[in-house]
Amino acid sequence: GLTVLLDHGDHYYTLYAGLSSAEVRVGETVSAGSRVGTVGSHDGKPAALTFEVRKNADALDAATWLGL
C-alpha cells in the first residue's frame, strides 16, 4: 500500500502505511481532522493500517501521543 508521512514540526512525524489511496500531496498543509487517505484490502488480503509516531527517526509510544 501507500505511505503518508506528516511533519508536525519540531522533528515530530506521524506515519500512515498500508493505504489504498492517499488524499494529500507532497508539500500540502494538512489541517487537524483532515483525511490523509483510505485503507482498503488489496490483492484479497485484509486491510491493515500501520500508524507510527516518530521523533527524528525514533518511534514513540503512539498511545501516549493520543492520550490513551
N, C-alpha and C. Protein backbone atom coordinates (compact mmCIF):
# COMPACT_ATOMS: atom_id res chain seq x y z
N GLY A 1 0.81 -1.19 0.00
CA GLY A 1 0.00 0.00 0.00
C GLY A 1 0.85 1.25 0.00
N LEU A 2 0.18 2.37 0.02
CA LEU A 2 0.83 3.68 0.02
C LEU A 2 1.20 4.09 1.44
N THR A 3 2.16 5.00 1.54
CA THR A 3 2.58 5.53 2.83
C THR A 3 2.53 7.05 2.80
N VAL A 4 2.00 7.64 3.88
CA VAL A 4 1.97 9.09 4.05
C VAL A 4 2.74 9.41 5.32
N LEU A 5 3.63 10.38 5.24
CA LEU A 5 4.40 10.84 6.39
C LEU A 5 4.08 12.31 6.59
N LEU A 6 3.54 12.64 7.78
CA LEU A 6 3.19 14.02 8.08
C LEU A 6 4.22 14.62 9.04
N ASP A 7 4.67 15.81 8.72
CA ASP A 7 5.64 16.55 9.54
C ASP A 7 4.86 17.49 10.45
N HIS A 8 4.94 17.27 11.76
CA HIS A 8 4.22 18.09 12.74
C HIS A 8 5.09 19.20 13.31
N GLY A 9 6.31 19.33 12.83
CA GLY A 9 7.23 20.34 13.33
C GLY A 9 8.02 19.82 14.52
N ASP A 10 9.09 20.50 14.87
CA ASP A 10 9.97 20.15 15.98
C ASP A 10 10.44 18.70 15.89
N HIS A 11 10.61 18.19 14.68
CA HIS A 11 11.12 16.84 14.40
C HIS A 11 10.14 15.73 14.79
N TYR A 12 8.84 16.05 14.92
CA TYR A 12 7.81 15.04 15.16
C TYR A 12 7.11 14.71 13.85
N TYR A 13 6.86 13.42 13.63
CA TYR A 13 6.22 12.94 12.41
C TYR A 13 5.22 11.86 12.76
N THR A 14 4.17 11.74 11.95
CA THR A 14 3.30 10.57 12.02
C THR A 14 3.35 9.87 10.67
N LEU A 15 3.33 8.57 10.72
CA LEU A 15 3.44 7.73 9.53
C LEU A 15 2.17 6.88 9.43
N TYR A 16 1.60 6.84 8.25
CA TYR A 16 0.42 6.05 7.95
C TYR A 16 0.78 5.17 6.76
N ALA A 17 0.83 3.86 6.95
CA ALA A 17 1.24 2.95 5.88
C ALA A 17 0.16 1.90 5.66
N GLY A 18 0.11 1.37 4.45
CA GLY A 18 -0.88 0.38 4.08
C GLY A 18 -2.14 1.01 3.50
N LEU A 19 -2.02 2.25 3.05
CA LEU A 19 -3.17 2.95 2.48
C LEU A 19 -3.46 2.47 1.07
N SER A 20 -4.74 2.40 0.72
CA SER A 20 -5.10 2.06 -0.65
C SER A 20 -5.17 3.32 -1.51
N SER A 21 -5.36 4.48 -0.87
CA SER A 21 -5.31 5.76 -1.59
C SER A 21 -4.83 6.84 -0.64
N ALA A 22 -4.18 7.84 -1.17
CA ALA A 22 -3.72 8.99 -0.39
C ALA A 22 -4.50 10.21 -0.84
N GLU A 23 -4.94 11.01 0.12
CA GLU A 23 -5.73 12.20 -0.20
C GLU A 23 -4.96 13.48 0.08
N VAL A 24 -3.66 13.36 0.32
CA VAL A 24 -2.79 14.52 0.50
C VAL A 24 -1.64 14.40 -0.48
N ARG A 25 -1.01 15.52 -0.76
CA ARG A 25 0.09 15.56 -1.72
C ARG A 25 1.34 16.13 -1.05
N VAL A 26 2.47 15.87 -1.62
CA VAL A 26 3.75 16.37 -1.10
C VAL A 26 3.69 17.89 -1.00
N GLY A 27 4.07 18.42 0.18
CA GLY A 27 4.12 19.86 0.40
C GLY A 27 2.80 20.48 0.82
N GLU A 28 1.72 19.72 0.81
CA GLU A 28 0.41 20.24 1.18
C GLU A 28 0.31 20.42 2.69
N THR A 29 -0.32 21.51 3.13
CA THR A 29 -0.61 21.71 4.55
C THR A 29 -1.88 20.94 4.88
N VAL A 30 -1.83 20.17 5.96
CA VAL A 30 -2.95 19.33 6.35
C VAL A 30 -3.50 19.84 7.68
N SER A 31 -4.79 20.12 7.73
CA SER A 31 -5.43 20.60 8.95
C SER A 31 -5.81 19.43 9.85
N ALA A 32 -5.89 19.69 11.15
CA ALA A 32 -6.33 18.67 12.10
C ALA A 32 -7.70 18.14 11.68
N GLY A 33 -7.86 16.85 11.72
CA GLY A 33 -9.13 16.22 11.36
C GLY A 33 -9.26 15.90 9.88
N SER A 34 -8.30 16.30 9.07
CA SER A 34 -8.35 16.03 7.64
C SER A 34 -8.09 14.55 7.37
N ARG A 35 -8.72 14.03 6.35
CA ARG A 35 -8.46 12.66 5.93
C ARG A 35 -7.17 12.64 5.12
N VAL A 36 -6.26 11.75 5.48
CA VAL A 36 -5.00 11.65 4.74
C VAL A 36 -5.03 10.53 3.72
N GLY A 37 -5.96 9.60 3.87
CA GLY A 37 -6.07 8.50 2.92
C GLY A 37 -7.12 7.51 3.38
N THR A 38 -7.24 6.43 2.62
CA THR A 38 -8.17 5.37 2.97
C THR A 38 -7.43 4.04 3.01
N VAL A 39 -7.97 3.16 3.82
CA VAL A 39 -7.42 1.81 3.95
C VAL A 39 -8.41 0.87 3.29
N GLY A 40 -7.90 0.01 2.45
CA GLY A 40 -8.75 -0.98 1.81
C GLY A 40 -7.94 -2.22 1.52
N SER A 41 -8.62 -3.32 1.36
CA SER A 41 -7.90 -4.56 1.07
C SER A 41 -7.31 -4.49 -0.32
N HIS A 42 -6.18 -5.16 -0.51
CA HIS A 42 -5.58 -5.25 -1.83
C HIS A 42 -5.12 -6.68 -2.05
N ASP A 43 -5.28 -7.13 -3.24
CA ASP A 43 -4.89 -8.49 -3.63
C ASP A 43 -5.54 -9.55 -2.75
N GLY A 44 -6.78 -9.28 -2.29
CA GLY A 44 -7.51 -10.24 -1.49
C GLY A 44 -7.04 -10.34 -0.04
N LYS A 45 -6.07 -9.51 0.34
CA LYS A 45 -5.58 -9.52 1.72
C LYS A 45 -6.42 -8.55 2.55
N PRO A 46 -6.62 -8.86 3.84
CA PRO A 46 -7.39 -7.94 4.69
C PRO A 46 -6.70 -6.58 4.82
N ALA A 47 -7.50 -5.56 5.02
CA ALA A 47 -6.98 -4.21 5.20
C ALA A 47 -6.23 -4.11 6.51
N ALA A 48 -5.12 -3.38 6.52
CA ALA A 48 -4.35 -3.15 7.73
C ALA A 48 -3.65 -1.80 7.62
N LEU A 49 -3.76 -1.01 8.66
CA LEU A 49 -3.08 0.28 8.71
C LEU A 49 -1.93 0.20 9.70
N THR A 50 -0.78 0.70 9.31
CA THR A 50 0.33 0.87 10.23
C THR A 50 0.39 2.35 10.57
N PHE A 51 0.36 2.67 11.87
CA PHE A 51 0.43 4.05 12.34
C PHE A 51 1.60 4.15 13.30
N GLU A 52 2.46 5.13 13.08
CA GLU A 52 3.60 5.36 13.96
C GLU A 52 3.74 6.83 14.26
N VAL A 53 4.20 7.13 15.46
CA VAL A 53 4.60 8.48 15.85
C VAL A 53 6.11 8.44 16.01
N ARG A 54 6.79 9.42 15.43
CA ARG A 54 8.26 9.42 15.48
C ARG A 54 8.77 10.80 15.89
N LYS A 55 9.86 10.78 16.61
CA LYS A 55 10.63 12.00 16.90
C LYS A 55 11.98 11.73 16.28
N ASN A 56 12.35 12.52 15.29
CA ASN A 56 13.52 12.23 14.45
C ASN A 56 13.29 10.85 13.83
N ALA A 57 14.18 9.90 14.01
CA ALA A 57 13.99 8.57 13.44
C ALA A 57 13.50 7.57 14.47
N ASP A 58 13.24 8.03 15.71
CA ASP A 58 12.86 7.13 16.79
C ASP A 58 11.34 7.00 16.90
N ALA A 59 10.85 5.76 16.94
CA ALA A 59 9.43 5.51 17.14
C ALA A 59 9.07 5.79 18.60
N LEU A 60 7.93 6.43 18.81
CA LEU A 60 7.43 6.74 20.15
C LEU A 60 6.18 5.91 20.42
N ASP A 61 5.77 5.85 21.67
CA ASP A 61 4.55 5.15 22.04
C ASP A 61 3.36 5.97 21.56
N ALA A 62 2.64 5.48 20.58
CA ALA A 62 1.50 6.21 19.99
C ALA A 62 0.39 6.42 21.02
N ALA A 63 0.22 5.51 21.96
CA ALA A 63 -0.82 5.65 22.97
C ALA A 63 -0.60 6.91 23.80
N THR A 64 0.63 7.22 24.15
CA THR A 64 0.95 8.42 24.89
C THR A 64 0.62 9.66 24.07
N TRP A 65 1.01 9.64 22.80
CA TRP A 65 0.75 10.76 21.88
C TRP A 65 -0.74 11.02 21.75
N LEU A 66 -1.55 9.95 21.72
CA LEU A 66 -3.00 10.06 21.54
C LEU A 66 -3.75 10.23 22.86
N GLY A 67 -3.03 10.21 23.97
CA GLY A 67 -3.67 10.40 25.28
C GLY A 67 -4.43 9.16 25.74
N LEU A 68 -3.99 7.99 25.33
CA LEU A 68 -4.66 6.74 25.71
C LEU A 68 -4.02 6.10 26.92
